[in-house]
Amino acid sequence: MGSFINLPEDELAIKDAAVLEKQTKPLVLYTEAWILSAMETAGKEIENEEERKALKNIGIGKPATRASIIETPSTRNYFRRDKHSLIPAEKGLQVVQHKLFCRHQHK
């Protein structure tokens, strides 16, 4: 990190600086197994006891229907499969961006 000296009016001057060359790591992509597990254990990490009790042992879908719940957005091109990873498609990214935008507008 650079060093700073105090200047009048709360201004700072950089005494020295260094450039660090690093590489970012790509985001970890979800796998179908991870999503199936998350669906099975949905609600177990909720802190509010009443809400957790309401969702206890419900999960999302039944074991026999969970795979089809994942398959529906795949056939509608919201994501594609690449080996074990599920990669969001442009259509899926647009839905997420829209939902985030709407959530932001209501705050």
PDB file of N, CA and C in Angstrom:
ATOM      1  N   MET A   1       0.835  -1.175   0.000  1.00  0.00           N
ATOM      2  CA  MET A   1       0.000   0.000   0.000  1.00  0.00           C
ATOM      3  C   MET A   1       0.878   1.237   0.000  1.00  0.00           C
ATOM      4  N   GLY A   2       0.332   2.278  -0.556  1.00  0.00           N
ATOM      5  CA  GLY A   2       1.086   3.524  -0.599  1.00  0.00           C
ATOM      6  C   GLY A   2       1.121   4.200   0.762  1.00  0.00           C
ATOM      7  N   SER A   3       2.086   5.079   0.954  1.00  0.00           N
ATOM      8  CA  SER A   3       2.168   5.877   2.182  1.00  0.00           C
ATOM      9  C   SER A   3       1.539   7.230   1.913  1.00  0.00           C
ATOM     10  N   PHE A   4       0.967   7.835   2.956  1.00  0.00           N
ATOM     11  CA  PHE A   4       0.294   9.105   2.792  1.00  0.00           C
ATOM     12  C   PHE A   4       0.857  10.130   3.765  1.00  0.00           C
ATOM     13  N   ILE A   5       0.822  11.387   3.356  1.00  0.00           N
ATOM     14  CA  ILE A   5       1.176  12.487   4.259  1.00  0.00           C
ATOM     15  C   ILE A   5      -0.043  13.388   4.365  1.00  0.00           C
ATOM     16  N   ASN A   6      -0.220  14.017   5.503  1.00  0.00           N
ATOM     17  CA  ASN A   6      -1.366  14.898   5.704  1.00  0.00           C
ATOM     18  C   ASN A   6      -1.142  16.228   4.995  1.00  0.00           C
ATOM     19  N   LEU A   7      -2.173  16.689   4.316  1.00  0.00           N
ATOM     20  CA  LEU A   7      -2.174  17.986   3.652  1.00  0.00           C
ATOM     21  C   LEU A   7      -3.324  18.801   4.217  1.00  0.00           C
ATOM     22  N   PRO A   8      -3.302  20.112   4.021  1.00  0.00           N
ATOM     23  CA  PRO A   8      -4.411  20.943   4.502  1.00  0.00           C
ATOM     24  C   PRO A   8      -5.739  20.516   3.865  1.00  0.00           C
ATOM     25  N   GLU A   9      -6.831  20.800   4.563  1.00  0.00           N
ATOM     26  CA  GLU A   9      -8.186  20.551   4.088  1.00  0.00           C
ATOM     27  C   GLU A   9      -8.461  19.069   3.820  1.00  0.00           C
ATOM     28  N   ASP A  10      -7.895  18.225   4.621  1.00  0.00           N
ATOM     29  CA  ASP A  10      -8.140  16.784   4.544  1.00  0.00           C
ATOM     30  C   ASP A  10      -7.779  16.160   3.198  1.00  0.00           C
ATOM     31  N   GLU A  11      -6.852  16.751   2.479  1.00  0.00           N
ATOM     32  CA  GLU A  11      -6.392  16.150   1.235  1.00  0.00           C
ATOM     33  C   GLU A  11      -5.235  15.222   1.537  1.00  0.00           C
ATOM     34  N   LEU A  12      -5.070  14.197   0.736  1.00  0.00           N
ATOM     35  CA  LEU A  12      -3.969  13.261   0.905  1.00  0.00           C
ATOM     36  C   LEU A  12      -3.138  13.217  -0.366  1.00  0.00           C
ATOM     37  N   ALA A  13      -1.854  13.136  -0.200  1.00  0.00           N
ATOM     38  CA  ALA A  13      -0.955  12.985  -1.346  1.00  0.00           C
ATOM     39  C   ALA A  13      -0.315  11.608  -1.261  1.00  0.00           C
ATOM     40  N   ILE A  14      -0.161  10.955  -2.371  1.00  0.00           N
ATOM     41  CA  ILE A  14       0.462   9.640  -2.403  1.00  0.00           C
ATOM     42  C   ILE A  14       1.972   9.819  -2.405  1.00  0.00           C
ATOM     43  N   LYS A  15       2.632   9.223  -1.427  1.00  0.00           N
ATOM     44  CA  LYS A  15       4.089   9.279  -1.343  1.00  0.00           C
ATOM     45  C   LYS A  15       4.726   8.217  -2.225  1.00  0.00           C
ATOM     46  N   ASP A  16       4.172   7.025  -2.185  1.00  0.00           N
ATOM     47  CA  ASP A  16       4.659   5.954  -3.045  1.00  0.00           C
ATOM     48  C   ASP A  16       3.533   4.954  -3.267  1.00  0.00           C
ATOM     49  N   ALA A  17       3.656   4.183  -4.313  1.00  0.00           N
ATOM     50  CA  ALA A  17       2.640   3.197  -4.650  1.00  0.00           C
ATOM     51  C   ALA A  17       3.308   2.042  -5.370  1.00  0.00           C
ATOM     52  N   ALA A  18       2.639   0.922  -5.380  1.00  0.00           N
ATOM     53  CA  ALA A  18       3.159  -0.248  -6.071  1.00  0.00           C
ATOM     54  C   ALA A  18       2.003  -0.922  -6.807  1.00  0.00           C
ATOM     55  N   VAL A  19       2.305  -1.484  -7.938  1.00  0.00           N
ATOM     56  CA  VAL A  19       1.313  -2.213  -8.713  1.00  0.00           C
ATOM     57  C   VAL A  19       1.523  -3.697  -8.438  1.00  0.00           C
ATOM     58  N   LEU A  20       0.464  -4.347  -8.031  1.00  0.00           N
ATOM     59  CA  LEU A  20       0.528  -5.789  -7.802  1.00  0.00           C
ATOM     60  C   LEU A  20      -0.132  -6.492  -8.970  1.00  0.00           C
ATOM     61  N   GLU A  21       0.534  -7.476  -9.481  1.00  0.00           N
ATOM     62  CA  GLU A  21      -0.033  -8.219 -10.601  1.00  0.00           C
ATOM     63  C   GLU A  21      -0.605  -9.519 -10.062  1.00  0.00           C
ATOM     64  N   LYS A  22      -1.937  -9.631 -10.129  1.00  0.00           N
ATOM     65  CA  LYS A  22      -2.624 -10.812  -9.622  1.00  0.00           C
ATOM     66  C   LYS A  22      -3.671 -11.239 -10.641  1.00  0.00           C
ATOM     67  N   GLN A  23      -4.160 -12.425 -10.477  1.00  0.00           N
ATOM     68  CA  GLN A  23      -5.230 -12.904 -11.338  1.00  0.00           C
ATOM     69  C   GLN A  23      -6.421 -13.276 -10.474  1.00  0.00           C
ATOM     70  N   THR A  24      -7.585 -12.918 -10.944  1.00  0.00           N
ATOM     71  CA  THR A  24      -8.795 -13.287 -10.222  1.00  0.00           C
ATOM     72  C   THR A  24      -9.160 -14.716 -10.583  1.00  0.00           C
ATOM     73  N   LYS A  25      -9.886 -15.339  -9.694  1.00  0.00           N
ATOM     74  CA  LYS A  25     -10.358 -16.688  -9.952  1.00  0.00           C
ATOM     75  C   LYS A  25     -11.800 -16.600 -10.429  1.00  0.00           C
ATOM     76  N   PRO A  26     -12.179 -17.428 -11.391  1.00  0.00           N
ATOM     77  CA  PRO A  26     -13.571 -17.393 -11.842  1.00  0.00           C
ATOM     78  C   PRO A  26     -14.506 -17.860 -10.728  1.00  0.00           C
ATOM     79  N   LEU A  27     -15.742 -17.411 -10.798  1.00  0.00           N
ATOM     80  CA  LEU A  27     -16.737 -17.848  -9.830  1.00  0.00           C
ATOM     81  C   LEU A  27     -16.903 -19.354  -9.913  1.00  0.00           C
ATOM     82  N   VAL A  28     -17.161 -19.957  -8.765  1.00  0.00           N
ATOM     83  CA  VAL A  28     -17.424 -21.385  -8.738  1.00  0.00           C
ATOM     84  C   VAL A  28     -18.830 -21.595  -9.291  1.00  0.00           C
ATOM     85  N   LEU A  29     -18.950 -22.473 -10.268  1.00  0.00           N
ATOM     86  CA  LEU A  29     -20.254 -22.726 -10.873  1.00  0.00           C
ATOM     87  C   LEU A  29     -20.998 -23.787 -10.067  1.00  0.00           C
ATOM     88  N   TYR A  30     -22.303 -23.675 -10.053  1.00  0.00           N
ATOM     89  CA  TYR A  30     -23.113 -24.668  -9.362  1.00  0.00           C
ATOM     90  C   TYR A  30     -23.129 -25.960 -10.157  1.00  0.00           C
ATOM     91  N   THR A  31     -23.294 -27.052  -9.428  1.00  0.00           N
ATOM     92  CA  THR A  31     -23.458 -28.358 -10.070  1.00  0.00           C
ATOM     93  C   THR A  31     -24.880 -28.830  -9.774  1.00  0.00           C
ATOM     94  N   GLU A  32     -25.333 -29.784 -10.549  1.00  0.00           N
ATOM     95  CA  GLU A  32     -26.664 -30.325 -10.325  1.00  0.00           C
ATOM     96  C   GLU A  32     -26.735 -30.978  -8.941  1.00  0.00           C
ATOM     97  N   ALA A  33     -25.665 -31.650  -8.530  1.00  0.00           N
ATOM     98  CA  ALA A  33     -25.638 -32.292  -7.212  1.00  0.00           C
ATOM     99  C   ALA A  33     -25.776 -31.253  -6.101  1.00  0.00           C
ATOM    100  N   TRP A  34     -25.102 -30.101  -6.242  1.00  0.00           N
ATOM    101  CA  TRP A  34     -25.182 -29.053  -5.222  1.00  0.00           C
ATOM    102  C   TRP A  34     -26.605 -28.517  -5.131  1.00  0.00           C
ATOM    103  N   ILE A  35     -27.229 -28.289  -6.290  1.00  0.00           N
ATOM    104  CA  ILE A  35     -28.599 -27.758  -6.294  1.00  0.00           C
ATOM    105  C   ILE A  35     -29.569 -28.769  -5.699  1.00  0.00           C
ATOM    106  N   LEU A  36     -29.416 -30.044  -6.045  1.00  0.00           N
ATOM    107  CA  LEU A  36     -30.285 -31.078  -5.469  1.00  0.00           C
ATOM    108  C   LEU A  36     -30.144 -31.111  -3.946  1.00  0.00           C
ATOM    109  N   SER A  37     -28.920 -31.004  -3.460  1.00  0.00           N
ATOM    110  CA  SER A  37     -28.681 -30.990  -2.018  1.00  0.00           C
ATOM    111  C   SER A  37     -29.304 -29.755  -1.372  1.00  0.00           C
ATOM    112  N   ALA A  38     -29.159 -28.598  -2.014  1.00  0.00           N
ATOM    113  CA  ALA A  38     -29.743 -27.366  -1.488  1.00  0.00           C
ATOM    114  C   ALA A  38     -31.268 -27.456  -1.448  1.00  0.00           C
ATOM    115  N   MET A  39     -31.846 -28.090  -2.445  1.00  0.00           N
ATOM    116  CA  MET A  39     -33.302 -28.249  -2.467  1.00  0.00           C
ATOM    117  C   MET A  39     -33.749 -29.153  -1.311  1.00  0.00           C
ATOM    118  N   GLU A  40     -32.974 -30.181  -1.042  1.00  0.00           N
ATOM    119  CA  GLU A  40     -33.315 -31.127   0.012  1.00  0.00           C
ATOM    120  C   GLU A  40     -33.206 -30.499   1.398  1.00  0.00           C
ATOM    121  N   THR A  41     -32.243 -29.625   1.592  1.00  0.00           N
ATOM    122  CA  THR A  41     -32.003 -29.043   2.914  1.00  0.00           C
ATOM    123  C   THR A  41     -32.483 -27.600   3.032  1.00  0.00           C
ATOM    124  N   ALA A  42     -33.314 -27.154   2.111  1.00  0.00           N
ATOM    125  CA  ALA A  42     -33.795 -25.768   2.124  1.00  0.00           C
ATOM    126  C   ALA A  42     -34.418 -25.418   3.462  1.00  0.00           C
ATOM    127  N   GLY A  43     -34.005 -24.294   3.999  1.00  0.00           N
ATOM    128  CA  GLY A  43     -34.583 -23.788   5.237  1.00  0.00           C
ATOM    129  C   GLY A  43     -33.879 -24.211   6.499  1.00  0.00           C
ATOM    130  N   LYS A  44     -32.970 -25.163   6.442  1.00  0.00           N
ATOM    131  CA  LYS A  44     -32.335 -25.664   7.664  1.00  0.00           C
ATOM    132  C   LYS A  44     -31.370 -24.669   8.284  1.00  0.00           C
ATOM    133  N   GLU A  45     -30.921 -23.674   7.533  1.00  0.00           N
ATOM    134  CA  GLU A  45     -29.991 -22.683   8.074  1.00  0.00           C
ATOM    135  C   GLU A  45     -30.681 -21.361   8.423  1.00  0.00           C
ATOM    136  N   ILE A  46     -31.995 -21.328   8.373  1.00  0.00           N
ATOM    137  CA  ILE A  46     -32.743 -20.126   8.725  1.00  0.00           C
ATOM    138  C   ILE A  46     -32.621 -19.886  10.228  1.00  0.00           C
ATOM    139  N   GLU A  47     -32.271 -18.675  10.614  1.00  0.00           N
ATOM    140  CA  GLU A  47     -32.050 -18.363  12.025  1.00  0.00           C
ATOM    141  C   GLU A  47     -33.344 -18.213  12.812  1.00  0.00           C
ATOM    142  N   ASN A  48     -34.391 -17.662  12.173  1.00  0.00           N
ATOM    143  CA  ASN A  48     -35.667 -17.468  12.854  1.00  0.00           C
ATOM    144  C   ASN A  48     -36.293 -18.839  13.124  1.00  0.00           C
ATOM    145  N   GLU A  49     -36.491 -19.158  14.414  1.00  0.00           N
ATOM    146  CA  GLU A  49     -36.947 -20.491  14.789  1.00  0.00           C
ATOM    147  C   GLU A  49     -38.325 -20.843  14.216  1.00  0.00           C
ATOM    148  N   GLU A  50     -39.267 -19.893  14.236  1.00  0.00           N
ATOM    149  CA  GLU A  50     -40.600 -20.166  13.702  1.00  0.00           C
ATOM    150  C   GLU A  50     -40.555 -20.463  12.214  1.00  0.00           C
ATOM    151  N   GLU A  51     -39.777 -19.655  11.461  1.00  0.00           N
ATOM    152  CA  GLU A  51     -39.655 -19.883  10.024  1.00  0.00           C
ATOM    153  C   GLU A  51     -38.973 -21.219   9.745  1.00  0.00           C
ATOM    154  N   ARG A  52     -37.949 -21.538  10.535  1.00  0.00           N
ATOM    155  CA  ARG A  52     -37.233 -22.805  10.346  1.00  0.00           C
ATOM    156  C   ARG A  52     -38.167 -23.983  10.616  1.00  0.00           C
ATOM    157  N   LYS A  53     -38.976 -23.893  11.678  1.00  0.00           N
ATOM    158  CA  LYS A  53     -39.922 -24.967  11.993  1.00  0.00           C
ATOM    159  C   LYS A  53     -40.945 -25.135  10.874  1.00  0.00           C
ATOM    160  N   ALA A  54     -41.379 -24.012  10.296  1.00  0.00           N
ATOM    161  CA  ALA A  54     -42.373 -24.073   9.220  1.00  0.00           C
ATOM    162  C   ALA A  54     -41.815 -24.802   7.991  1.00  0.00           C
ATOM    163  N   LEU A  55     -40.512 -24.646   7.750  1.00  0.00           N
ATOM    164  CA  LEU A  55     -39.904 -25.277   6.583  1.00  0.00           C
ATOM    165  C   LEU A  55     -39.229 -26.612   6.888  1.00  0.00           C
ATOM    166  N   LYS A  56     -39.196 -26.986   8.171  1.00  0.00           N
ATOM    167  CA  LYS A  56     -38.486 -28.199   8.572  1.00  0.00           C
ATOM    168  C   LYS A  56     -38.988 -29.414   7.793  1.00  0.00           C
ATOM    169  N   ASN A  57     -38.055 -30.137   7.252  1.00  0.00           N
ATOM    170  CA  ASN A  57     -38.310 -31.381   6.522  1.00  0.00           C
ATOM    171  C   ASN A  57     -39.187 -31.212   5.283  1.00  0.00           C
ATOM    172  N   ILE A  58     -39.389 -29.980   4.830  1.00  0.00           N
ATOM    173  CA  ILE A  58     -40.173 -29.774   3.616  1.00  0.00           C
ATOM    174  C   ILE A  58     -39.260 -29.816   2.405  1.00  0.00           C
ATOM    175  N   GLY A  59     -38.174 -29.057   2.456  1.00  0.00           N
ATOM    176  CA  GLY A  59     -37.290 -28.983   1.299  1.00  0.00           C
ATOM    177  C   GLY A  59     -38.031 -28.372   0.132  1.00  0.00           C
ATOM    178  N   ILE A  60     -37.452 -28.489  -1.028  1.00  0.00           N
ATOM    179  CA  ILE A  60     -38.102 -28.008  -2.251  1.00  0.00           C
ATOM    180  C   ILE A  60     -38.334 -29.219  -3.133  1.00  0.00           C
ATOM    181  N   GLY A  61     -39.576 -29.499  -3.405  1.00  0.00           N
ATOM    182  CA  GLY A  61     -39.920 -30.651  -4.219  1.00  0.00           C
ATOM    183  C   GLY A  61     -39.768 -31.947  -3.434  1.00  0.00           C
ATOM    184  N   LYS A  62     -40.180 -33.000  -4.020  1.00  0.00           N
ATOM    185  CA  LYS A  62     -40.020 -34.343  -3.459  1.00  0.00           C
ATOM    186  C   LYS A  62     -38.818 -34.976  -4.151  1.00  0.00           C
ATOM    187  N   PRO A  63     -38.183 -35.969  -3.542  1.00  0.00           N
ATOM    188  CA  PRO A  63     -37.011 -36.583  -4.183  1.00  0.00           C
ATOM    189  C   PRO A  63     -37.267 -36.994  -5.636  1.00  0.00           C
ATOM    190  N   ALA A  64     -38.446 -37.473  -5.926  1.00  0.00           N
ATOM    191  CA  ALA A  64     -38.743 -37.932  -7.290  1.00  0.00           C
ATOM    192  C   ALA A  64     -38.931 -36.783  -8.272  1.00  0.00           C
ATOM    193  N   THR A  65     -39.213 -35.569  -7.773  1.00  0.00           N
ATOM    194  CA  THR A  65     -39.493 -34.450  -8.690  1.00  0.00           C
ATOM    195  C   THR A  65     -38.371 -33.424  -8.777  1.00  0.00           C
ATOM    196  N   ARG A  66     -37.374 -33.523  -7.906  1.00  0.00           N
ATOM    197  CA  ARG A  66     -36.319 -32.505  -7.882  1.00  0.00           C
ATOM    198  C   ARG A  66     -35.549 -32.425  -9.191  1.00  0.00           C
ATOM    199  N   ALA A  67     -35.227 -33.563  -9.791  1.00  0.00           N
ATOM    200  CA  ALA A  67     -34.482 -33.544 -11.053  1.00  0.00           C
ATOM    201  C   ALA A  67     -35.291 -32.842 -12.138  1.00  0.00           C
ATOM    202  N   SER A  68     -36.596 -33.064 -12.179  1.00  0.00           N
ATOM    203  CA  SER A  68     -37.411 -32.411 -13.205  1.00  0.00           C
ATOM    204  C   SER A  68     -37.539 -30.913 -12.939  1.00  0.00           C
ATOM    205  N   ILE A  69     -37.469 -30.512 -11.655  1.00  0.00           N
ATOM    206  CA  ILE A  69     -37.508 -29.083 -11.328  1.00  0.00           C
ATOM    207  C   ILE A  69     -36.275 -28.395 -11.905  1.00  0.00           C
ATOM    208  N   ILE A  70     -35.143 -29.077 -11.895  1.00  0.00           N
ATOM    209  CA  ILE A  70     -33.915 -28.530 -12.483  1.00  0.00           C
ATOM    210  C   ILE A  70     -33.973 -28.613 -14.009  1.00  0.00           C
ATOM    211  N   GLU A  71     -34.573 -29.652 -14.537  1.00  0.00           N
ATOM    212  CA  GLU A  71     -34.609 -29.854 -15.984  1.00  0.00           C
ATOM    213  C   GLU A  71     -35.447 -28.793 -16.700  1.00  0.00           C
ATOM    214  N   THR A  72     -36.516 -28.324 -16.084  1.00  0.00           N
ATOM    215  CA  THR A  72     -37.393 -27.340 -16.731  1.00  0.00           C
ATOM    216  C   THR A  72     -36.653 -26.072 -17.150  1.00  0.00           C
ATOM    217  N   PRO A  73     -35.904 -25.400 -16.273  1.00  0.00           N
ATOM    218  CA  PRO A  73     -35.184 -24.210 -16.744  1.00  0.00           C
ATOM    219  C   PRO A  73     -34.093 -24.544 -17.764  1.00  0.00           C
ATOM    220  N   SER A  74     -33.590 -25.758 -17.706  1.00  0.00           N
ATOM    221  CA  SER A  74     -32.589 -26.162 -18.700  1.00  0.00           C
ATOM    222  C   SER A  74     -33.217 -26.247 -20.091  1.00  0.00           C
ATOM    223  N   THR A  75     -34.372 -26.873 -20.181  1.00  0.00           N
ATOM    224  CA  THR A  75     -35.028 -26.992 -21.495  1.00  0.00           C
ATOM    225  C   THR A  75     -35.539 -25.644 -21.995  1.00  0.00           C
ATOM    226  N   ARG A  76     -35.709 -24.693 -21.091  1.00  0.00           N
ATOM    227  CA  ARG A  76     -36.140 -23.339 -21.482  1.00  0.00           C
ATOM    228  C   ARG A  76     -34.951 -22.411 -21.705  1.00  0.00           C
ATOM    229  N   ASN A  77     -33.749 -22.986 -21.713  1.00  0.00           N
ATOM    230  CA  ASN A  77     -32.502 -22.270 -22.030  1.00  0.00           C
ATOM    231  C   ASN A  77     -32.132 -21.171 -21.040  1.00  0.00           C
ATOM    232  N   TYR A  78     -32.390 -21.400 -19.758  1.00  0.00           N
ATOM    233  CA  TYR A  78     -31.930 -20.472 -18.734  1.00  0.00           C
ATOM    234  C   TYR A  78     -30.487 -20.788 -18.334  1.00  0.00           C
ATOM    235  N   PHE A  79     -30.066 -22.028 -18.536  1.00  0.00           N
ATOM    236  CA  PHE A  79     -28.685 -22.424 -18.313  1.00  0.00           C
ATOM    237  C   PHE A  79     -28.363 -23.608 -19.209  1.00  0.00           C
ATOM    238  N   ARG A  80     -27.062 -23.897 -19.311  1.00  0.00           N
ATOM    239  CA  ARG A  80     -26.630 -25.068 -20.082  1.00  0.00           C
ATOM    240  C   ARG A  80     -25.683 -25.885 -19.218  1.00  0.00           C
ATOM    241  N   ARG A  81     -25.563 -27.132 -19.562  1.00  0.00           N
ATOM    242  CA  ARG A  81     -24.677 -28.018 -18.822  1.00  0.00           C
ATOM    243  C   ARG A  81     -23.330 -28.095 -19.527  1.00  0.00           C
ATOM    244  N   ASP A  82     -22.272 -28.061 -18.734  1.00  0.00           N
ATOM    245  CA  ASP A  82     -20.922 -28.263 -19.252  1.00  0.00           C
ATOM    246  C   ASP A  82     -20.220 -29.192 -18.266  1.00  0.00           C
ATOM    247  N   LYS A  83     -20.117 -30.446 -18.639  1.00  0.00           N
ATOM    248  CA  LYS A  83     -19.638 -31.497 -17.740  1.00  0.00           C
ATOM    249  C   LYS A  83     -20.553 -31.506 -16.519  1.00  0.00           C
ATOM    250  N   HIS A  84     -20.021 -31.211 -15.335  1.00  0.00           N
ATOM    251  CA  HIS A  84     -20.856 -31.236 -14.125  1.00  0.00           C
ATOM    252  C   HIS A  84     -21.389 -29.865 -13.749  1.00  0.00           C
ATOM    253  N   SER A  85     -20.940 -28.833 -14.415  1.00  0.00           N
ATOM    254  CA  SER A  85     -21.330 -27.467 -14.066  1.00  0.00           C
ATOM    255  C   SER A  85     -22.570 -27.022 -14.817  1.00  0.00           C
ATOM    256  N   LEU A  86     -23.333 -26.156 -14.161  1.00  0.00           N
ATOM    257  CA  LEU A  86     -24.496 -25.529 -14.783  1.00  0.00           C
ATOM    258  C   LEU A  86     -24.109 -24.078 -15.051  1.00  0.00           C
ATOM    259  N   ILE A  87     -24.086 -23.701 -16.315  1.00  0.00           N
ATOM    260  CA  ILE A  87     -23.611 -22.380 -16.719  1.00  0.00           C
ATOM    261  C   ILE A  87     -24.801 -21.525 -17.124  1.00  0.00           C
ATOM    262  N   PRO A  88     -24.968 -20.367 -16.483  1.00  0.00           N
ATOM    263  CA  PRO A  88     -26.120 -19.527 -16.828  1.00  0.00           C
ATOM    264  C   PRO A  88     -26.046 -19.046 -18.275  1.00  0.00           C
ATOM    265  N   ALA A  89     -27.179 -19.114 -18.947  1.00  0.00           N
ATOM    266  CA  ALA A  89     -27.290 -18.601 -20.310  1.00  0.00           C
ATOM    267  C   ALA A  89     -27.721 -17.130 -20.230  1.00  0.00           C
ATOM    268  N   GLU A  90     -27.638 -16.423 -21.322  1.00  0.00           N
ATOM    269  CA  GLU A  90     -28.004 -15.005 -21.350  1.00  0.00           C
ATOM    270  C   GLU A  90     -29.422 -14.799 -20.828  1.00  0.00           C
ATOM    271  N   LYS A  91     -30.328 -15.673 -21.216  1.00  0.00           N
ATOM    272  CA  LYS A  91     -31.722 -15.566 -20.773  1.00  0.00           C
ATOM    273  C   LYS A  91     -31.815 -15.674 -19.252  1.00  0.00           C
ATOM    274  N   GLY A  92     -31.079 -16.591 -18.655  1.00  0.00           N
ATOM    275  CA  GLY A  92     -31.075 -16.750 -17.205  1.00  0.00           C
ATOM    276  C   GLY A  92     -30.475 -15.550 -16.508  1.00  0.00           C
ATOM    277  N   LEU A  93     -29.397 -15.010 -17.060  1.00  0.00           N
ATOM    278  CA  LEU A  93     -28.766 -13.827 -16.477  1.00  0.00           C
ATOM    279  C   LEU A  93     -29.708 -12.631 -16.519  1.00  0.00           C
ATOM    280  N   GLN A  94     -30.473 -12.496 -17.595  1.00  0.00           N
ATOM    281  CA  GLN A  94     -31.420 -11.390 -17.705  1.00  0.00           C
ATOM    282  C   GLN A  94     -32.507 -11.491 -16.639  1.00  0.00           C
ATOM    283  N   VAL A  95     -32.970 -12.702 -16.357  1.00  0.00           N
ATOM    284  CA  VAL A  95     -33.993 -12.886 -15.319  1.00  0.00           C
ATOM    285  C   VAL A  95     -33.439 -12.461 -13.961  1.00  0.00           C
ATOM    286  N   VAL A  96     -32.217 -12.898 -13.646  1.00  0.00           N
ATOM    287  CA  VAL A  96     -31.610 -12.552 -12.362  1.00  0.00           C
ATOM    288  C   VAL A  96     -31.406 -11.046 -12.261  1.00  0.00           C
ATOM    289  N   GLN A  97     -30.899 -10.427 -13.318  1.00  0.00           N
ATOM    290  CA  GLN A  97     -30.685  -8.978 -13.299  1.00  0.00           C
ATOM    291  C   GLN A  97     -32.003  -8.243 -13.107  1.00  0.00           C
ATOM    292  N   HIS A  98     -33.051  -8.697 -13.768  1.00  0.00           N
ATOM    293  CA  HIS A  98     -34.366  -8.070 -13.640  1.00  0.00           C
ATOM    294  C   HIS A  98     -34.869  -8.191 -12.199  1.00  0.00           C
ATOM    295  N   LYS A  99     -34.731  -9.390 -11.602  1.00  0.00           N
ATOM    296  CA  LYS A  99     -35.180  -9.601 -10.220  1.00  0.00           C
ATOM    297  C   LYS A  99     -34.399  -8.718  -9.256  1.00  0.00           C
ATOM    298  N   LEU A 100     -33.085  -8.619  -9.454  1.00  0.00           N
ATOM    299  CA  LEU A 100     -32.271  -7.768  -8.587  1.00  0.00           C
ATOM    300  C   LEU A 100     -32.656  -6.302  -8.746  1.00  0.00           C
ATOM    301  N   PHE A 101     -32.920  -5.877  -9.978  1.00  0.00           N
ATOM    302  CA  PHE A 101     -33.330  -4.502 -10.236  1.00  0.00           C
ATOM    303  C   PHE A 101     -34.657  -4.211  -9.552  1.00  0.00           C
ATOM    304  N   CYS A 102     -35.621  -5.142  -9.675  1.00  0.00           N
ATOM    305  CA  CYS A 102     -36.938  -4.945  -9.053  1.00  0.00           C
ATOM    306  C   CYS A 102     -36.814  -4.895  -7.537  1.00  0.00           C
ATOM    307  N   ARG A 103     -35.980  -5.758  -6.962  1.00  0.00           N
ATOM    308  CA  ARG A 103     -35.795  -5.770  -5.518  1.00  0.00           C
ATOM    309  C   ARG A 103     -35.201  -4.440  -5.064  1.00  0.00           C
ATOM    310  N   HIS A 104     -34.253  -3.920  -5.839  1.00  0.00           N
ATOM    311  CA  HIS A 104     -33.607  -2.647  -5.504  1.00  0.00           C
ATOM    312  C   HIS A 104     -34.629  -1.500  -5.583  1.00  0.00           C
ATOM    313  N   GLN A 105     -35.527  -1.537  -6.539  1.00  0.00           N
ATOM    314  CA  GLN A 105     -36.520  -0.472  -6.719  1.00  0.00           C
ATOM    315  C   GLN A 105     -37.519  -0.416  -5.573  1.00  0.00           C
ATOM    316  N   HIS A 106     -37.759  -1.556  -4.915  1.00  0.00           N
ATOM    317  CA  HIS A 106     -38.756  -1.608  -3.850  1.00  0.00           C
ATOM    318  C   HIS A 106     -38.181  -1.292  -2.484  1.00  0.00           C
ATOM    319  N   LYS A 107     -36.893  -1.015  -2.379  1.00  0.00           N
ATOM    320  CA  LYS A 107     -36.290  -0.697  -1.079  1.00  0.00           C
ATOM    321  C   LYS A 107     -36.362   0.770  -0.803  1.00  0.00           C
TER     322      LYS A 107
END
